[in-house]
Amino acid sequence: MKINNIGSINTNPYKKQIEKAEKLQRTAHTDKIQISTEAMELQKGSRIEAERQAKIDELKNKIQSGDYQVNPKEIAKKMYEFWNN
């Protein structure tokens, strides 16, 4: 009985796996981030943030210069309102 050799003998059994890996590397896409115009505007900040920052800077200057005075009655009043309302 004679068996004829069908196909090539010198084939790499892992050739299909290597081809798949190469194909994935060629077709791999990079991630992209898109930020909407609304989100861009929110990141820029608002008028309220600017006003808040101005108040903070004013308070810092008063504290550093020693002009800031704490009103204990006002603090007690606010604490009382917070805990009882």
N, C-alpha and C. Protein backbone atom coordinates (compact mmCIF):
# COMPACT_ATOMS: atom_id res chain seq x y z
N MET A 1 0.84 -1.16 0.00
CA MET A 1 0.00 0.00 0.00
C MET A 1 0.89 1.23 0.00
N LYS A 2 0.58 2.15 -0.88
CA LYS A 2 1.37 3.35 -1.02
C LYS A 2 0.54 4.54 -0.55
N ILE A 3 1.13 5.35 0.32
CA ILE A 3 0.44 6.55 0.81
C ILE A 3 1.12 7.75 0.19
N ASN A 4 0.33 8.54 -0.51
CA ASN A 4 0.88 9.75 -1.12
C ASN A 4 0.85 10.90 -0.10
N ASN A 5 1.89 11.69 -0.12
CA ASN A 5 1.97 12.82 0.78
C ASN A 5 1.09 13.96 0.26
N ILE A 6 0.05 14.30 1.00
CA ILE A 6 -0.85 15.37 0.60
C ILE A 6 -0.51 16.58 1.47
N GLY A 7 -0.25 17.71 0.85
CA GLY A 7 0.11 18.91 1.58
C GLY A 7 1.59 18.94 1.85
N SER A 8 2.05 20.03 2.39
CA SER A 8 3.49 20.14 2.64
C SER A 8 3.83 19.64 4.03
N ILE A 9 5.00 19.10 4.14
CA ILE A 9 5.45 18.55 5.40
C ILE A 9 6.03 19.65 6.29
N ASN A 10 6.59 20.67 5.70
CA ASN A 10 7.29 21.70 6.44
C ASN A 10 6.35 22.84 6.90
N THR A 11 5.20 22.49 7.37
CA THR A 11 4.29 23.52 7.88
C THR A 11 4.45 23.64 9.39
N ASN A 12 4.33 24.86 9.85
CA ASN A 12 4.41 25.12 11.27
C ASN A 12 3.02 24.89 11.87
N PRO A 13 2.89 24.02 12.85
CA PRO A 13 1.56 23.75 13.41
C PRO A 13 0.99 24.97 14.13
N TYR A 14 1.81 25.92 14.49
CA TYR A 14 1.34 27.11 15.20
C TYR A 14 1.18 28.31 14.26
N LYS A 15 1.24 28.06 12.97
CA LYS A 15 1.18 29.14 11.98
C LYS A 15 -0.13 29.92 12.07
N LYS A 16 -1.25 29.22 12.25
CA LYS A 16 -2.54 29.90 12.34
C LYS A 16 -2.60 30.81 13.57
N GLN A 17 -2.04 30.35 14.68
CA GLN A 17 -2.02 31.18 15.88
C GLN A 17 -1.16 32.43 15.66
N ILE A 18 -0.04 32.27 15.00
CA ILE A 18 0.84 33.41 14.73
C ILE A 18 0.14 34.39 13.80
N GLU A 19 -0.53 33.87 12.78
CA GLU A 19 -1.26 34.73 11.84
C GLU A 19 -2.37 35.50 12.55
N LYS A 20 -3.09 34.84 13.46
CA LYS A 20 -4.14 35.52 14.22
C LYS A 20 -3.57 36.65 15.06
N ALA A 21 -2.46 36.39 15.72
CA ALA A 21 -1.83 37.41 16.56
C ALA A 21 -1.37 38.59 15.72
N GLU A 22 -0.78 38.31 14.56
CA GLU A 22 -0.34 39.40 13.68
C GLU A 22 -1.53 40.20 13.16
N LYS A 23 -2.62 39.51 12.85
CA LYS A 23 -3.80 40.19 12.36
C LYS A 23 -4.39 41.11 13.43
N LEU A 24 -4.42 40.64 14.68
CA LEU A 24 -4.92 41.46 15.78
C LEU A 24 -4.05 42.69 16.00
N GLN A 25 -2.75 42.54 15.85
CA GLN A 25 -1.84 43.67 16.02
C GLN A 25 -2.07 44.71 14.93
N ARG A 26 -2.34 44.25 13.72
CA ARG A 26 -2.57 45.19 12.61
C ARG A 26 -3.90 45.91 12.75
N THR A 27 -4.90 45.23 13.28
CA THR A 27 -6.23 45.81 13.36
C THR A 27 -6.51 46.46 14.71
N ALA A 28 -5.55 46.44 15.61
CA ALA A 28 -5.77 47.03 16.94
C ALA A 28 -5.98 48.53 16.80
N HIS A 29 -7.00 49.04 17.48
CA HIS A 29 -7.31 50.46 17.45
C HIS A 29 -6.92 51.09 18.78
N THR A 30 -6.58 52.34 18.71
CA THR A 30 -6.28 53.05 19.94
C THR A 30 -7.55 53.66 20.49
N ASP A 31 -7.60 53.84 21.79
CA ASP A 31 -8.76 54.45 22.43
C ASP A 31 -8.77 55.94 22.18
N LYS A 32 -9.95 56.50 22.06
CA LYS A 32 -10.09 57.93 21.83
C LYS A 32 -11.08 58.49 22.83
N ILE A 33 -10.81 59.71 23.26
CA ILE A 33 -11.71 60.40 24.18
C ILE A 33 -12.23 61.63 23.47
N GLN A 34 -13.55 61.81 23.53
CA GLN A 34 -14.16 62.98 22.95
C GLN A 34 -14.95 63.70 24.05
N ILE A 35 -14.65 64.99 24.21
CA ILE A 35 -15.33 65.78 25.22
C ILE A 35 -16.27 66.74 24.50
N SER A 36 -17.51 66.74 24.93
CA SER A 36 -18.50 67.60 24.28
C SER A 36 -18.24 69.06 24.61
N THR A 37 -18.84 69.94 23.83
CA THR A 37 -18.66 71.37 24.05
C THR A 37 -19.26 71.79 25.39
N GLU A 38 -20.34 71.14 25.79
CA GLU A 38 -20.95 71.45 27.09
C GLU A 38 -19.99 71.10 28.23
N ALA A 39 -19.32 69.96 28.12
CA ALA A 39 -18.37 69.56 29.14
C ALA A 39 -17.18 70.50 29.18
N MET A 40 -16.76 70.98 28.02
CA MET A 40 -15.65 71.93 27.96
C MET A 40 -16.02 73.21 28.69
N GLU A 41 -17.25 73.67 28.50
CA GLU A 41 -17.69 74.89 29.16
C GLU A 41 -17.77 74.69 30.67
N LEU A 42 -18.20 73.52 31.11
CA LEU A 42 -18.26 73.24 32.53
C LEU A 42 -16.87 73.21 33.16
N GLN A 43 -15.88 72.73 32.41
CA GLN A 43 -14.52 72.67 32.92
C GLN A 43 -13.91 74.07 33.05
N LYS A 44 -14.32 74.99 32.23
CA LYS A 44 -13.76 76.34 32.26
C LYS A 44 -14.11 77.05 33.56
N GLY A 45 -15.22 76.73 34.14
CA GLY A 45 -15.63 77.38 35.38
C GLY A 45 -16.74 78.37 35.09
N SER A 46 -17.28 78.92 36.14
CA SER A 46 -18.40 79.82 35.97
C SER A 46 -18.17 81.11 36.75
N ARG A 47 -19.10 82.01 36.63
CA ARG A 47 -19.06 83.29 37.32
C ARG A 47 -19.09 83.06 38.83
N ILE A 48 -19.86 82.08 39.27
CA ILE A 48 -19.98 81.78 40.70
C ILE A 48 -18.63 81.36 41.28
N GLU A 49 -17.89 80.54 40.54
CA GLU A 49 -16.58 80.12 41.01
C GLU A 49 -15.64 81.30 41.14
N ALA A 50 -15.70 82.23 40.20
CA ALA A 50 -14.84 83.42 40.25
C ALA A 50 -15.18 84.27 41.48
N GLU A 51 -16.47 84.43 41.75
CA GLU A 51 -16.88 85.20 42.93
C GLU A 51 -16.44 84.50 44.21
N ARG A 52 -16.60 83.19 44.25
CA ARG A 52 -16.20 82.43 45.43
C ARG A 52 -14.71 82.56 45.68
N GLN A 53 -13.93 82.48 44.61
CA GLN A 53 -12.47 82.60 44.74
C GLN A 53 -12.08 84.00 45.21
N ALA A 54 -12.80 85.02 44.76
CA ALA A 54 -12.53 86.39 45.21
C ALA A 54 -12.80 86.53 46.70
N LYS A 55 -13.89 85.92 47.18
CA LYS A 55 -14.19 85.97 48.62
C LYS A 55 -13.12 85.25 49.44
N ILE A 56 -12.68 84.12 48.94
CA ILE A 56 -11.64 83.35 49.63
C ILE A 56 -10.35 84.15 49.71
N ASP A 57 -9.97 84.78 48.60
CA ASP A 57 -8.75 85.59 48.60
C ASP A 57 -8.87 86.76 49.57
N GLU A 58 -10.05 87.39 49.62
CA GLU A 58 -10.26 88.51 50.53
C GLU A 58 -10.12 88.05 51.99
N LEU A 59 -10.73 86.89 52.32
CA LEU A 59 -10.62 86.37 53.68
C LEU A 59 -9.18 86.01 54.04
N LYS A 60 -8.45 85.43 53.11
CA LYS A 60 -7.05 85.08 53.36
C LYS A 60 -6.24 86.34 53.67
N ASN A 61 -6.47 87.38 52.91
CA ASN A 61 -5.75 88.63 53.14
C ASN A 61 -6.08 89.22 54.50
N LYS A 62 -7.36 89.19 54.88
CA LYS A 62 -7.77 89.71 56.19
C LYS A 62 -7.14 88.90 57.32
N ILE A 63 -7.10 87.59 57.18
CA ILE A 63 -6.52 86.73 58.22
C ILE A 63 -5.03 86.99 58.35
N GLN A 64 -4.33 87.11 57.21
CA GLN A 64 -2.89 87.34 57.25
C GLN A 64 -2.54 88.70 57.82
N SER A 65 -3.37 89.70 57.55
CA SER A 65 -3.08 91.04 58.07
C SER A 65 -3.55 91.21 59.51
N GLY A 66 -4.39 90.31 60.01
CA GLY A 66 -4.87 90.38 61.38
C GLY A 66 -6.15 91.19 61.52
N ASP A 67 -6.79 91.57 60.43
CA ASP A 67 -8.01 92.37 60.46
C ASP A 67 -9.27 91.52 60.63
N TYR A 68 -9.16 90.22 60.49
CA TYR A 68 -10.35 89.36 60.55
C TYR A 68 -10.74 89.13 62.01
N GLN A 69 -11.98 89.44 62.33
CA GLN A 69 -12.49 89.27 63.69
C GLN A 69 -13.61 88.23 63.68
N VAL A 70 -13.54 87.27 64.58
CA VAL A 70 -14.55 86.23 64.69
C VAL A 70 -15.68 86.74 65.57
N ASN A 71 -16.91 86.57 65.12
CA ASN A 71 -18.08 86.97 65.89
C ASN A 71 -18.66 85.72 66.55
N PRO A 72 -18.38 85.48 67.82
CA PRO A 72 -18.82 84.23 68.47
C PRO A 72 -20.34 84.11 68.55
N LYS A 73 -21.05 85.23 68.70
CA LYS A 73 -22.52 85.17 68.76
C LYS A 73 -23.10 84.69 67.43
N GLU A 74 -22.54 85.17 66.34
CA GLU A 74 -23.02 84.76 65.01
C GLU A 74 -22.74 83.27 64.77
N ILE A 75 -21.58 82.80 65.20
CA ILE A 75 -21.24 81.38 65.05
C ILE A 75 -22.19 80.53 65.87
N ALA A 76 -22.46 80.93 67.11
CA ALA A 76 -23.37 80.18 67.97
C ALA A 76 -24.77 80.15 67.37
N LYS A 77 -25.19 81.27 66.81
CA LYS A 77 -26.52 81.35 66.19
C LYS A 77 -26.63 80.38 65.01
N LYS A 78 -25.61 80.37 64.15
CA LYS A 78 -25.61 79.47 62.98
C LYS A 78 -25.59 78.01 63.41
N MET A 79 -24.82 77.69 64.44
CA MET A 79 -24.77 76.31 64.93
C MET A 79 -26.12 75.90 65.50
N TYR A 80 -26.75 76.79 66.24
CA TYR A 80 -28.06 76.50 66.82
C TYR A 80 -29.09 76.25 65.72
N GLU A 81 -29.07 77.10 64.68
CA GLU A 81 -30.01 76.94 63.55
C GLU A 81 -29.76 75.62 62.82
N PHE A 82 -28.50 75.27 62.66
CA PHE A 82 -28.17 74.05 61.95
C PHE A 82 -28.68 72.81 62.68
N TRP A 83 -28.47 72.75 63.99
CA TRP A 83 -28.82 71.56 64.74
C TRP A 83 -30.30 71.49 65.12
N ASN A 84 -30.99 72.62 65.13
CA ASN A 84 -32.38 72.61 65.54
C ASN A 84 -33.38 72.76 64.39
N ASN A 85 -32.91 72.93 63.20
CA ASN A 85 -33.83 73.03 62.05
C ASN A 85 -33.75 71.87 61.14
